[in-house]
Amino acid sequence: MGAWTISTRTSSTISSPPGDEVDREAVELLCAALDAHRGLPPPAVELAAAAARVREQIDADLFPLGWVRSAAALECEALPDDDAELMLHCAAATISPREETGLEIEEEATLLSLEHADWLAVAIVTVREGVGCEASGEALANAVSHCPEVPLEADLDIDEELHLEAAFSTAMLAWLALGLIDRDERLTPLGAWVLPRALAQAWGGEFDPRTTG
């Protein structure tokens, strides 16, 4: 499958198939690019600790997990009992909210302006670099410019870079609360496991190969 191309950041146009095919091809590209990371088990200790903390903070409606709960459509539903399901559900909601987030209008609009190609670039570059790689807003925006699977037709200008940094920074606050990045804005073992799987889930797909029997 050929690489996607971001043709312009100003109009946020991506040369990709129309309609639901975008989700399917995005998941296929994600799986192909990070094939070596598929089928890996989650970091059990980190997952259990993060899930327990997330449950407490969501129940207390603490920022930023309050808006994540809204985005994940969990306000009127019981939280998933399975820790991995909870973490993936919440992380996916930071990428593709199912409901209104409750964020400020401009902040929500900036987050929602991120497209498949932006998220693909971030996931592919950060997971490839591995645990401990920088995951600041600046670093994530830089990933958009340096992902071979999602090449730019033109360099980002300063306004586009700042826009991306602002959008990713909103997601990063939630990722910090979820334990996907640490206080030094670096990818955690849990983040390396959750991010590609949450991305695939947000687009209606699966990152890990299906098992039979």
N, C-alpha and C. Protein backbone atom coordinates (compact mmCIF):
# COMPACT_ATOMS: atom_id res chain seq x y z
N MET A 1 0.85 -1.19 0.00
CA MET A 1 0.00 0.00 0.00
C MET A 1 0.88 1.23 0.00
N GLY A 2 0.60 2.18 -0.82
CA GLY A 2 1.41 3.37 -0.94
C GLY A 2 1.25 4.30 0.25
N ALA A 3 2.22 5.16 0.45
CA ALA A 3 2.17 6.10 1.57
C ALA A 3 1.12 7.17 1.30
N TRP A 4 0.56 7.69 2.37
CA TRP A 4 -0.35 8.82 2.27
C TRP A 4 0.48 10.08 2.14
N THR A 5 -0.13 11.12 1.62
CA THR A 5 0.58 12.39 1.47
C THR A 5 -0.26 13.52 2.03
N ILE A 6 0.34 14.30 2.93
CA ILE A 6 -0.31 15.52 3.40
C ILE A 6 0.03 16.59 2.38
N SER A 7 -0.99 17.04 1.65
CA SER A 7 -0.71 17.97 0.56
C SER A 7 -0.62 19.41 1.04
N THR A 8 -1.32 19.75 2.11
CA THR A 8 -1.24 21.10 2.65
C THR A 8 -1.76 21.09 4.07
N ARG A 9 -1.11 21.84 4.95
CA ARG A 9 -1.60 21.93 6.32
C ARG A 9 -2.65 23.02 6.44
N THR A 10 -2.62 24.01 5.57
CA THR A 10 -3.56 25.11 5.70
C THR A 10 -4.98 24.64 5.53
N SER A 11 -5.23 23.84 4.51
CA SER A 11 -6.58 23.34 4.28
C SER A 11 -6.78 21.95 4.85
N SER A 12 -5.72 21.40 5.47
CA SER A 12 -5.76 20.07 6.09
C SER A 12 -6.26 19.01 5.12
N THR A 13 -5.76 19.07 3.89
CA THR A 13 -6.17 18.11 2.89
C THR A 13 -5.20 16.95 2.84
N ILE A 14 -5.73 15.73 2.84
CA ILE A 14 -4.89 14.54 2.75
C ILE A 14 -5.29 13.77 1.50
N SER A 15 -4.31 13.36 0.73
CA SER A 15 -4.64 12.56 -0.44
C SER A 15 -4.85 11.13 0.03
N SER A 16 -6.10 10.78 0.25
CA SER A 16 -6.47 9.47 0.75
C SER A 16 -7.86 9.13 0.23
N PRO A 17 -8.28 7.88 0.33
CA PRO A 17 -9.58 7.50 -0.20
C PRO A 17 -10.71 8.21 0.54
N PRO A 18 -11.85 8.38 -0.09
CA PRO A 18 -12.97 9.06 0.55
C PRO A 18 -13.71 8.13 1.51
N GLY A 19 -14.50 8.75 2.42
CA GLY A 19 -15.42 8.00 3.26
C GLY A 19 -14.76 7.04 4.22
N ASP A 20 -15.46 5.94 4.51
CA ASP A 20 -15.00 4.98 5.51
C ASP A 20 -13.69 4.28 5.11
N GLU A 21 -13.35 4.33 3.83
CA GLU A 21 -12.10 3.71 3.40
C GLU A 21 -10.89 4.36 4.06
N VAL A 22 -11.03 5.63 4.47
CA VAL A 22 -9.92 6.30 5.13
C VAL A 22 -9.55 5.56 6.41
N ASP A 23 -10.56 5.22 7.22
CA ASP A 23 -10.30 4.50 8.47
C ASP A 23 -9.63 3.16 8.20
N ARG A 24 -10.16 2.41 7.26
CA ARG A 24 -9.63 1.08 6.98
C ARG A 24 -8.19 1.15 6.51
N GLU A 25 -7.91 2.04 5.57
CA GLU A 25 -6.55 2.13 5.05
C GLU A 25 -5.58 2.70 6.08
N ALA A 26 -6.08 3.57 6.95
CA ALA A 26 -5.22 4.10 8.01
C ALA A 26 -4.81 2.99 8.97
N VAL A 27 -5.74 2.12 9.33
CA VAL A 27 -5.43 1.00 10.22
C VAL A 27 -4.45 0.05 9.53
N GLU A 28 -4.66 -0.21 8.25
CA GLU A 28 -3.75 -1.09 7.51
C GLU A 28 -2.34 -0.52 7.49
N LEU A 29 -2.23 0.78 7.25
CA LEU A 29 -0.91 1.41 7.22
C LEU A 29 -0.26 1.37 8.59
N LEU A 30 -1.03 1.63 9.63
CA LEU A 30 -0.52 1.59 10.98
C LEU A 30 0.03 0.20 11.31
N CYS A 31 -0.74 -0.83 10.98
CA CYS A 31 -0.34 -2.21 11.27
C CYS A 31 0.91 -2.60 10.48
N ALA A 32 0.98 -2.17 9.23
CA ALA A 32 2.14 -2.51 8.41
C ALA A 32 3.40 -1.80 8.91
N ALA A 33 3.25 -0.54 9.29
CA ALA A 33 4.40 0.23 9.73
C ALA A 33 4.95 -0.26 11.07
N LEU A 34 4.05 -0.73 11.94
CA LEU A 34 4.45 -1.16 13.28
C LEU A 34 4.22 -2.65 13.48
N ASP A 35 4.45 -3.41 12.44
CA ASP A 35 4.15 -4.85 12.49
C ASP A 35 4.91 -5.56 13.61
N ALA A 36 6.12 -5.13 13.88
CA ALA A 36 6.92 -5.78 14.93
C ALA A 36 6.34 -5.59 16.32
N HIS A 37 5.44 -4.64 16.46
CA HIS A 37 4.86 -4.34 17.77
C HIS A 37 3.49 -4.98 17.96
N ARG A 38 3.01 -5.69 16.95
CA ARG A 38 1.70 -6.32 17.05
C ARG A 38 1.80 -7.63 17.84
N GLY A 39 0.73 -7.94 18.56
CA GLY A 39 0.67 -9.19 19.30
C GLY A 39 1.44 -9.20 20.60
N LEU A 40 1.98 -8.07 21.00
CA LEU A 40 2.74 -8.01 22.25
C LEU A 40 1.79 -7.85 23.43
N PRO A 41 2.11 -8.45 24.57
CA PRO A 41 1.25 -8.29 25.76
C PRO A 41 1.45 -6.92 26.37
N PRO A 42 0.47 -6.42 27.10
CA PRO A 42 0.65 -5.13 27.76
C PRO A 42 1.59 -5.24 28.94
N PRO A 43 2.20 -4.15 29.37
CA PRO A 43 3.02 -4.18 30.59
C PRO A 43 2.08 -4.29 31.80
N ALA A 44 1.98 -5.48 32.36
CA ALA A 44 0.92 -5.79 33.31
C ALA A 44 0.91 -4.89 34.54
N VAL A 45 2.06 -4.67 35.15
CA VAL A 45 2.11 -3.87 36.37
C VAL A 45 1.70 -2.43 36.09
N GLU A 46 2.26 -1.85 35.03
CA GLU A 46 1.93 -0.47 34.68
C GLU A 46 0.46 -0.33 34.30
N LEU A 47 -0.08 -1.31 33.60
CA LEU A 47 -1.47 -1.27 33.19
C LEU A 47 -2.39 -1.28 34.40
N ALA A 48 -2.15 -2.18 35.34
CA ALA A 48 -3.01 -2.26 36.52
C ALA A 48 -2.95 -0.99 37.35
N ALA A 49 -1.75 -0.44 37.53
CA ALA A 49 -1.61 0.77 38.33
C ALA A 49 -2.28 1.96 37.66
N ALA A 50 -2.09 2.09 36.35
CA ALA A 50 -2.68 3.20 35.62
C ALA A 50 -4.21 3.10 35.61
N ALA A 51 -4.72 1.91 35.38
CA ALA A 51 -6.18 1.73 35.34
C ALA A 51 -6.82 2.06 36.68
N ALA A 52 -6.19 1.66 37.77
CA ALA A 52 -6.73 1.97 39.10
C ALA A 52 -6.76 3.48 39.32
N ARG A 53 -5.69 4.15 38.91
CA ARG A 53 -5.63 5.61 39.06
C ARG A 53 -6.66 6.29 38.17
N VAL A 54 -6.83 5.80 36.97
CA VAL A 54 -7.80 6.38 36.04
C VAL A 54 -9.22 6.23 36.58
N ARG A 55 -9.55 5.07 37.12
CA ARG A 55 -10.89 4.87 37.68
C ARG A 55 -11.16 5.87 38.79
N GLU A 56 -10.18 6.08 39.66
CA GLU A 56 -10.35 7.02 40.77
C GLU A 56 -10.56 8.44 40.27
N GLN A 57 -9.75 8.84 39.29
CA GLN A 57 -9.83 10.21 38.80
C GLN A 57 -11.10 10.45 37.99
N ILE A 58 -11.55 9.46 37.25
CA ILE A 58 -12.80 9.61 36.51
C ILE A 58 -13.97 9.70 37.48
N ASP A 59 -13.98 8.85 38.50
CA ASP A 59 -15.06 8.89 39.49
C ASP A 59 -15.11 10.24 40.20
N ALA A 60 -13.93 10.85 40.40
CA ALA A 60 -13.85 12.14 41.06
C ALA A 60 -14.05 13.30 40.09
N ASP A 61 -14.20 12.97 38.80
CA ASP A 61 -14.39 13.98 37.75
C ASP A 61 -13.25 15.00 37.73
N LEU A 62 -12.03 14.50 37.86
CA LEU A 62 -10.86 15.36 37.87
C LEU A 62 -10.40 15.66 36.45
N PHE A 63 -9.97 16.90 36.21
CA PHE A 63 -9.41 17.28 34.92
C PHE A 63 -8.03 16.63 34.78
N PRO A 64 -7.69 16.12 33.61
CA PRO A 64 -8.43 16.17 32.35
C PRO A 64 -9.30 14.94 32.06
N LEU A 65 -9.35 14.00 33.00
CA LEU A 65 -10.08 12.77 32.70
C LEU A 65 -11.59 12.98 32.71
N GLY A 66 -12.03 14.12 33.24
CA GLY A 66 -13.45 14.43 33.15
C GLY A 66 -13.89 14.59 31.70
N TRP A 67 -13.07 15.32 30.92
CA TRP A 67 -13.45 15.50 29.52
C TRP A 67 -13.23 14.22 28.72
N VAL A 68 -12.26 13.42 29.14
CA VAL A 68 -12.04 12.15 28.45
C VAL A 68 -13.25 11.24 28.66
N ARG A 69 -13.79 11.23 29.88
CA ARG A 69 -14.98 10.43 30.13
C ARG A 69 -16.13 10.88 29.24
N SER A 70 -16.32 12.20 29.11
CA SER A 70 -17.37 12.72 28.23
C SER A 70 -17.12 12.30 26.79
N ALA A 71 -15.87 12.47 26.34
CA ALA A 71 -15.52 12.14 24.96
C ALA A 71 -15.70 10.66 24.67
N ALA A 72 -15.50 9.83 25.69
CA ALA A 72 -15.62 8.38 25.52
C ALA A 72 -17.05 7.88 25.71
N ALA A 73 -17.98 8.81 25.94
CA ALA A 73 -19.40 8.46 26.14
C ALA A 73 -19.58 7.53 27.33
N LEU A 74 -18.82 7.79 28.40
CA LEU A 74 -18.89 6.95 29.59
C LEU A 74 -19.64 7.62 30.74
N GLU A 75 -20.21 8.79 30.50
CA GLU A 75 -20.89 9.49 31.58
C GLU A 75 -22.12 8.73 32.07
N CYS A 76 -22.78 8.03 31.17
CA CYS A 76 -24.00 7.31 31.53
C CYS A 76 -23.79 5.80 31.48
N GLU A 77 -22.53 5.39 31.38
CA GLU A 77 -22.21 3.96 31.31
C GLU A 77 -21.21 3.60 32.40
N ALA A 78 -21.27 2.35 32.83
CA ALA A 78 -20.28 1.86 33.78
C ALA A 78 -18.93 1.76 33.07
N LEU A 79 -17.87 2.03 33.80
CA LEU A 79 -16.54 1.89 33.21
C LEU A 79 -16.26 0.42 32.91
N PRO A 80 -15.55 0.14 31.84
CA PRO A 80 -15.21 -1.26 31.53
C PRO A 80 -14.48 -1.92 32.69
N ASP A 81 -14.82 -3.17 32.97
CA ASP A 81 -14.16 -3.89 34.06
C ASP A 81 -12.72 -4.26 33.70
N ASP A 82 -12.50 -4.54 32.42
CA ASP A 82 -11.17 -4.94 31.97
C ASP A 82 -10.26 -3.72 31.89
N ASP A 83 -9.09 -3.82 32.51
CA ASP A 83 -8.18 -2.68 32.56
C ASP A 83 -7.72 -2.24 31.17
N ALA A 84 -7.35 -3.19 30.33
CA ALA A 84 -6.88 -2.84 28.99
C ALA A 84 -8.00 -2.19 28.19
N GLU A 85 -9.21 -2.71 28.30
CA GLU A 85 -10.34 -2.13 27.58
C GLU A 85 -10.59 -0.70 28.04
N LEU A 86 -10.50 -0.47 29.35
CA LEU A 86 -10.69 0.89 29.88
C LEU A 86 -9.66 1.84 29.30
N MET A 87 -8.39 1.46 29.33
CA MET A 87 -7.34 2.34 28.87
C MET A 87 -7.44 2.62 27.38
N LEU A 88 -7.74 1.60 26.60
CA LEU A 88 -7.87 1.80 25.15
C LEU A 88 -9.08 2.67 24.83
N HIS A 89 -10.17 2.45 25.55
CA HIS A 89 -11.40 3.22 25.33
C HIS A 89 -11.13 4.70 25.60
N CYS A 90 -10.46 4.98 26.71
CA CYS A 90 -10.18 6.37 27.07
C CYS A 90 -9.17 7.00 26.11
N ALA A 91 -8.12 6.28 25.78
CA ALA A 91 -7.11 6.83 24.87
C ALA A 91 -7.69 7.07 23.49
N ALA A 92 -8.53 6.17 23.02
CA ALA A 92 -9.17 6.34 21.71
C ALA A 92 -10.03 7.59 21.68
N ALA A 93 -10.64 7.93 22.82
CA ALA A 93 -11.50 9.11 22.88
C ALA A 93 -10.72 10.41 22.78
N THR A 94 -9.42 10.37 23.10
CA THR A 94 -8.60 11.58 22.93
C THR A 94 -8.22 11.78 21.47
N ILE A 95 -8.37 10.75 20.68
CA ILE A 95 -8.01 10.78 19.26
C ILE A 95 -9.24 11.05 18.40
N SER A 96 -10.32 10.35 18.71
CA SER A 96 -11.57 10.49 17.96
C SER A 96 -12.73 10.44 18.95
N PRO A 97 -13.08 11.59 19.56
CA PRO A 97 -14.14 11.61 20.57
C PRO A 97 -15.47 11.10 20.03
N ARG A 98 -16.14 10.30 20.84
CA ARG A 98 -17.46 9.78 20.46
C ARG A 98 -18.55 10.79 20.75
N GLU A 99 -18.31 11.66 21.74
CA GLU A 99 -19.27 12.68 22.13
C GLU A 99 -18.53 14.01 22.33
N GLU A 100 -19.28 15.07 22.61
CA GLU A 100 -18.65 16.35 22.89
C GLU A 100 -17.76 16.21 24.12
N THR A 101 -16.63 16.89 24.08
CA THR A 101 -15.65 16.73 25.15
C THR A 101 -15.93 17.59 26.38
N GLY A 102 -16.59 18.71 26.18
CA GLY A 102 -16.75 19.65 27.29
C GLY A 102 -15.59 20.61 27.41
N LEU A 103 -14.58 20.48 26.53
CA LEU A 103 -13.48 21.43 26.49
C LEU A 103 -13.98 22.78 25.97
N GLU A 104 -13.17 23.80 26.13
CA GLU A 104 -13.49 25.09 25.52
C GLU A 104 -13.64 24.90 24.02
N ILE A 105 -14.53 25.67 23.43
CA ILE A 105 -14.86 25.48 22.01
C ILE A 105 -13.62 25.52 21.13
N GLU A 106 -12.75 26.50 21.35
CA GLU A 106 -11.56 26.63 20.50
C GLU A 106 -10.60 25.47 20.74
N GLU A 107 -10.48 25.05 21.99
CA GLU A 107 -9.58 23.94 22.31
C GLU A 107 -10.07 22.64 21.68
N GLU A 108 -11.38 22.40 21.76
CA GLU A 108 -11.94 21.20 21.15
C GLU A 108 -11.78 21.23 19.64
N ALA A 109 -12.03 22.40 19.04
CA ALA A 109 -11.90 22.52 17.58
C ALA A 109 -10.46 22.26 17.14
N THR A 110 -9.50 22.73 17.93
CA THR A 110 -8.10 22.52 17.58
C THR A 110 -7.75 21.04 17.66
N LEU A 111 -8.21 20.37 18.71
CA LEU A 111 -7.97 18.93 18.83
C LEU A 111 -8.60 18.17 17.67
N LEU A 112 -9.82 18.52 17.34
CA LEU A 112 -10.54 17.81 16.28
C LEU A 112 -9.99 18.11 14.89
N SER A 113 -9.14 19.14 14.78
CA SER A 113 -8.55 19.45 13.47
C SER A 113 -7.46 18.46 13.08
N LEU A 114 -6.97 17.70 14.05
CA LEU A 114 -5.97 16.68 13.74
C LEU A 114 -6.59 15.58 12.89
N GLU A 115 -5.87 15.15 11.88
CA GLU A 115 -6.40 14.19 10.92
C GLU A 115 -5.68 12.85 11.02
N HIS A 116 -6.17 11.91 10.25
CA HIS A 116 -5.58 10.57 10.26
C HIS A 116 -4.07 10.62 10.06
N ALA A 117 -3.62 11.38 9.10
CA ALA A 117 -2.20 11.44 8.78
C ALA A 117 -1.39 11.98 9.96
N ASP A 118 -1.93 12.95 10.68
CA ASP A 118 -1.23 13.50 11.83
C ASP A 118 -1.05 12.43 12.91
N TRP A 119 -2.14 11.75 13.22
CA TRP A 119 -2.11 10.71 14.26
C TRP A 119 -1.22 9.54 13.83
N LEU A 120 -1.31 9.16 12.56
CA LEU A 120 -0.45 8.09 12.06
C LEU A 120 1.02 8.43 12.25
N ALA A 121 1.39 9.63 11.86
CA ALA A 121 2.79 10.04 11.97
C ALA A 121 3.25 9.99 13.42
N VAL A 122 2.43 10.50 14.32
CA VAL A 122 2.81 10.51 15.74
C VAL A 122 2.98 9.09 16.28
N ALA A 123 2.02 8.23 15.99
CA ALA A 123 2.10 6.85 16.50
C ALA A 123 3.29 6.11 15.92
N ILE A 124 3.47 6.21 14.62
CA ILE A 124 4.55 5.47 13.96
C ILE A 124 5.92 5.94 14.44
N VAL A 125 6.12 7.25 14.47
CA VAL A 125 7.43 7.78 14.85
C VAL A 125 7.73 7.51 16.32
N THR A 126 6.79 7.79 17.22
CA THR A 126 7.07 7.63 18.65
C THR A 126 7.24 6.17 19.04
N VAL A 127 6.36 5.30 18.54
CA VAL A 127 6.47 3.88 18.91
C VAL A 127 7.75 3.28 18.34
N ARG A 128 8.14 3.69 17.14
CA ARG A 128 9.41 3.21 16.58
C ARG A 128 10.59 3.67 17.42
N GLU A 129 10.55 4.91 17.86
CA GLU A 129 11.67 5.42 18.67
C GLU A 129 11.72 4.71 20.01
N GLY A 130 10.56 4.33 20.52
CA GLY A 130 10.51 3.50 21.70
C GLY A 130 10.30 4.22 23.00
N VAL A 131 10.19 3.42 24.05
CA VAL A 131 9.96 3.93 25.40
C VAL A 131 11.04 4.94 25.76
N GLY A 132 10.61 6.08 26.30
CA GLY A 132 11.55 7.12 26.70
C GLY A 132 11.74 8.20 25.66
N CYS A 133 11.17 8.01 24.47
CA CYS A 133 11.32 9.05 23.44
C CYS A 133 10.52 10.28 23.84
N GLU A 134 10.96 11.44 23.40
CA GLU A 134 10.28 12.68 23.73
C GLU A 134 8.89 12.70 23.10
N ALA A 135 7.90 13.11 23.90
CA ALA A 135 6.52 13.18 23.41
C ALA A 135 5.88 14.50 23.78
N SER A 136 6.68 15.57 23.73
CA SER A 136 6.14 16.91 23.97
C SER A 136 5.32 17.36 22.77
N GLY A 137 4.58 18.43 22.92
CA GLY A 137 3.82 18.94 21.79
C GLY A 137 4.71 19.26 20.61
N GLU A 138 5.88 19.83 20.89
CA GLU A 138 6.83 20.15 19.83
C GLU A 138 7.34 18.89 19.15
N ALA A 139 7.65 17.87 19.94
CA ALA A 139 8.17 16.62 19.37
C ALA A 139 7.11 15.92 18.53
N LEU A 140 5.87 15.94 18.98
CA LEU A 140 4.80 15.30 18.22
C LEU A 140 4.55 16.04 16.92
N ALA A 141 4.58 17.37 16.97
CA ALA A 141 4.42 18.14 15.74
C ALA A 141 5.58 17.85 14.78
N ASN A 142 6.77 17.69 15.34
CA ASN A 142 7.94 17.37 14.52
C ASN A 142 7.80 16.01 13.87
N ALA A 143 7.13 15.07 14.56
CA ALA A 143 6.93 13.73 14.00
C ALA A 143 6.12 13.79 12.72
N VAL A 144 5.19 14.74 12.66
CA VAL A 144 4.36 14.88 11.46
C VAL A 144 5.23 15.20 10.25
N SER A 145 6.34 15.87 10.49
CA SER A 145 7.24 16.26 9.40
C SER A 145 8.26 15.18 9.05
N HIS A 146 8.33 14.12 9.84
CA HIS A 146 9.42 13.16 9.66
C HIS A 146 8.95 11.71 9.65
N CYS A 147 7.75 11.49 9.16
CA CYS A 147 7.26 10.12 9.06
C CYS A 147 7.28 9.69 7.61
N PRO A 148 8.10 8.69 7.23
CA PRO A 148 8.19 8.31 5.82
C PRO A 148 6.90 7.77 5.24
N GLU A 149 6.05 7.19 6.09
CA GLU A 149 4.78 6.66 5.58
C GLU A 149 3.75 7.74 5.30
N VAL A 150 3.97 8.93 5.88
CA VAL A 150 3.03 10.03 5.68
C VAL A 150 3.82 11.28 5.30
N PRO A 151 4.37 11.30 4.09
CA PRO A 151 5.25 12.42 3.71
C PRO A 151 4.50 13.71 3.47
N LEU A 152 5.18 14.81 3.74
CA LEU A 152 4.65 16.13 3.45
C LEU A 152 5.05 16.55 2.05
N GLU A 153 4.14 17.21 1.35
CA GLU A 153 4.49 17.76 0.04
C GLU A 153 5.22 19.08 0.17
N ALA A 154 5.04 19.73 1.32
CA ALA A 154 5.72 21.00 1.58
C ALA A 154 6.00 21.09 3.07
N ASP A 155 7.07 21.78 3.43
CA ASP A 155 7.41 21.93 4.83
C ASP A 155 6.32 22.70 5.57
N LEU A 156 6.16 22.39 6.85
CA LEU A 156 5.22 23.13 7.67
C LEU A 156 5.75 24.54 7.90
N ASP A 157 4.83 25.52 7.87
CA ASP A 157 5.26 26.87 8.24
C ASP A 157 5.07 27.02 9.75
N ILE A 158 5.50 28.14 10.31
CA ILE A 158 5.49 28.31 11.76
C ILE A 158 4.08 28.26 12.32
N ASP A 159 3.10 28.83 11.61
CA ASP A 159 1.72 28.80 12.10
C ASP A 159 1.18 27.38 12.15
N GLU A 160 1.53 26.58 11.15
CA GLU A 160 1.09 25.19 11.13
C GLU A 160 1.74 24.38 12.25
N GLU A 161 3.01 24.63 12.49
CA GLU A 161 3.70 23.94 13.57
C GLU A 161 3.08 24.29 14.92
N LEU A 162 2.78 25.57 15.14
CA LEU A 162 2.19 26.00 16.40
C LEU A 162 0.79 25.43 16.57
N HIS A 163 0.05 25.33 15.47
CA HIS A 163 -1.28 24.75 15.53
C HIS A 163 -1.21 23.28 15.94
N LEU A 164 -0.30 22.54 15.34
CA LEU A 164 -0.13 21.14 15.69
C LEU A 164 0.30 20.98 17.15
N GLU A 165 1.23 21.81 17.58
CA GLU A 165 1.69 21.73 18.97
C GLU A 165 0.54 21.96 19.94
N ALA A 166 -0.30 22.95 19.64
CA ALA A 166 -1.44 23.24 20.51
C ALA A 166 -2.42 22.07 20.55
N ALA A 167 -2.68 21.49 19.38
CA ALA A 167 -3.63 20.38 19.31
C ALA A 167 -3.10 19.16 20.07
N PHE A 168 -1.84 18.80 19.84
CA PHE A 168 -1.27 17.65 20.52
C PHE A 168 -1.12 17.90 22.03
N SER A 169 -0.91 19.15 22.42
CA SER A 169 -0.76 19.46 23.83
C SER A 169 -2.05 19.16 24.60
N THR A 170 -3.19 19.37 23.96
CA THR A 170 -4.47 19.04 24.60
C THR A 170 -4.56 17.54 24.84
N ALA A 171 -4.20 16.76 23.84
CA ALA A 171 -4.21 15.31 24.00
C ALA A 171 -3.18 14.87 25.03
N MET A 172 -2.02 15.54 25.06
CA MET A 172 -0.95 15.14 25.96
C MET A 172 -1.33 15.24 27.42
N LEU A 173 -2.12 16.25 27.78
CA LEU A 173 -2.55 16.37 29.18
C LEU A 173 -3.34 15.13 29.60
N ALA A 174 -4.19 14.65 28.70
CA ALA A 174 -4.94 13.43 28.97
C ALA A 174 -4.02 12.23 28.98
N TRP A 175 -3.06 12.19 28.07
CA TRP A 175 -2.12 11.06 28.02
C TRP A 175 -1.28 10.98 29.30
N LEU A 176 -0.93 12.14 29.85
CA LEU A 176 -0.19 12.15 31.11
C LEU A 176 -1.05 11.55 32.23
N ALA A 177 -2.30 11.95 32.30
CA ALA A 177 -3.21 11.42 33.31
C ALA A 177 -3.46 9.93 33.11
N LEU A 178 -3.44 9.48 31.86
CA LEU A 178 -3.64 8.07 31.56
C LEU A 178 -2.38 7.23 31.77
N GLY A 179 -1.25 7.91 31.92
CA GLY A 179 0.01 7.19 32.10
C GLY A 179 0.70 6.80 30.82
N LEU A 180 0.30 7.41 29.71
CA LEU A 180 0.91 7.09 28.42
C LEU A 180 2.23 7.84 28.23
N ILE A 181 2.34 8.99 28.86
CA ILE A 181 3.60 9.73 28.91
C ILE A 181 3.87 10.06 30.36
N ASP A 182 5.13 10.35 30.68
CA ASP A 182 5.46 10.69 32.06
C ASP A 182 5.58 12.20 32.23
N ARG A 183 5.94 12.62 33.43
CA ARG A 183 5.99 14.06 33.71
C ARG A 183 7.10 14.76 32.95
N ASP A 184 8.04 14.00 32.43
CA ASP A 184 9.10 14.57 31.60
C ASP A 184 8.71 14.57 30.12
N GLU A 185 7.42 14.26 29.85
CA GLU A 185 6.87 14.23 28.49
C GLU A 185 7.60 13.22 27.62
N ARG A 186 7.79 12.03 28.18
CA ARG A 186 8.42 10.94 27.45
C ARG A 186 7.50 9.73 27.44
N LEU A 187 7.55 8.98 26.37
CA LEU A 187 6.68 7.83 26.18
C LEU A 187 6.97 6.75 27.22
N THR A 188 5.93 6.24 27.86
CA THR A 188 6.08 5.18 28.85
C THR A 188 5.88 3.82 28.19
N PRO A 189 6.24 2.74 28.89
CA PRO A 189 5.96 1.40 28.34
C PRO A 189 4.47 1.20 28.07
N LEU A 190 3.63 1.73 28.94
CA LEU A 190 2.19 1.62 28.72
C LEU A 190 1.78 2.42 27.49
N GLY A 191 2.36 3.61 27.32
CA GLY A 191 2.04 4.43 26.16
C GLY A 191 2.42 3.76 24.85
N ALA A 192 3.58 3.10 24.85
CA ALA A 192 4.02 2.42 23.63
C ALA A 192 3.07 1.28 23.26
N TRP A 193 2.46 0.67 24.25
CA TRP A 193 1.52 -0.41 23.99
C TRP A 193 0.13 0.12 23.64
N VAL A 194 -0.32 1.13 24.36
CA VAL A 194 -1.68 1.64 24.18
C VAL A 194 -1.85 2.43 22.90
N LEU A 195 -0.89 3.30 22.58
CA LEU A 195 -1.10 4.27 21.50
C LEU A 195 -1.51 3.66 20.17
N PRO A 196 -0.78 2.69 19.61
CA PRO A 196 -1.21 2.16 18.31
C PRO A 196 -2.53 1.41 18.39
N ARG A 197 -2.79 0.76 19.52
CA ARG A 197 -4.04 0.00 19.67
C ARG A 197 -5.23 0.94 19.83
N ALA A 198 -5.03 2.03 20.55
CA ALA A 198 -6.09 3.02 20.69
C ALA A 198 -6.39 3.70 19.37
N LEU A 199 -5.35 3.95 18.60
CA LEU A 199 -5.51 4.57 17.29
C LEU A 199 -6.36 3.67 16.38
N ALA A 200 -6.01 2.40 16.33
CA ALA A 200 -6.78 1.46 15.52
C ALA A 200 -8.22 1.37 16.01
N GLN A 201 -8.41 1.34 17.32
CA GLN A 201 -9.76 1.26 17.87
C GLN A 201 -10.57 2.50 17.53
N ALA A 202 -9.93 3.66 17.57
CA ALA A 202 -10.62 4.91 17.25
C ALA A 202 -11.15 4.90 15.82
N TRP A 203 -10.49 4.13 14.96
CA TRP A 203 -10.88 4.05 13.55
C TRP A 203 -11.63 2.76 13.23
N GLY A 204 -12.12 2.09 14.27
CA GLY A 204 -12.96 0.92 14.06
C GLY A 204 -12.21 -0.33 13.66
N GLY A 205 -10.90 -0.38 13.93
CA GLY A 205 -10.11 -1.54 13.55
C GLY A 205 -9.41 -2.17 14.74
N GLU A 206 -8.52 -3.11 14.46
CA GLU A 206 -7.74 -3.78 15.50
C GLU A 206 -6.27 -3.75 15.10
N PHE A 207 -5.43 -3.49 16.08
CA PHE A 207 -4.00 -3.45 15.81
C PHE A 207 -3.37 -4.83 15.88
N ASP A 208 -3.77 -5.61 16.86
CA ASP A 208 -3.17 -6.92 17.04
C ASP A 208 -3.83 -7.94 16.10
N PRO A 209 -3.05 -8.88 15.60
CA PRO A 209 -3.62 -9.91 14.73
C PRO A 209 -4.60 -10.78 15.52
N ARG A 210 -5.63 -11.22 14.85
CA ARG A 210 -6.61 -12.06 15.52
C ARG A 210 -6.05 -13.44 15.74
N THR A 211 -6.36 -14.00 16.90
CA THR A 211 -5.92 -15.36 17.20
C THR A 211 -7.02 -16.33 16.86
N THR A 212 -6.65 -17.53 16.49
CA THR A 212 -7.63 -18.54 16.16
C THR A 212 -7.56 -19.69 17.14
N GLY A 213 -8.66 -20.42 17.25
CA GLY A 213 -8.68 -21.58 18.13
C GLY A 213 -9.05 -21.21 19.54
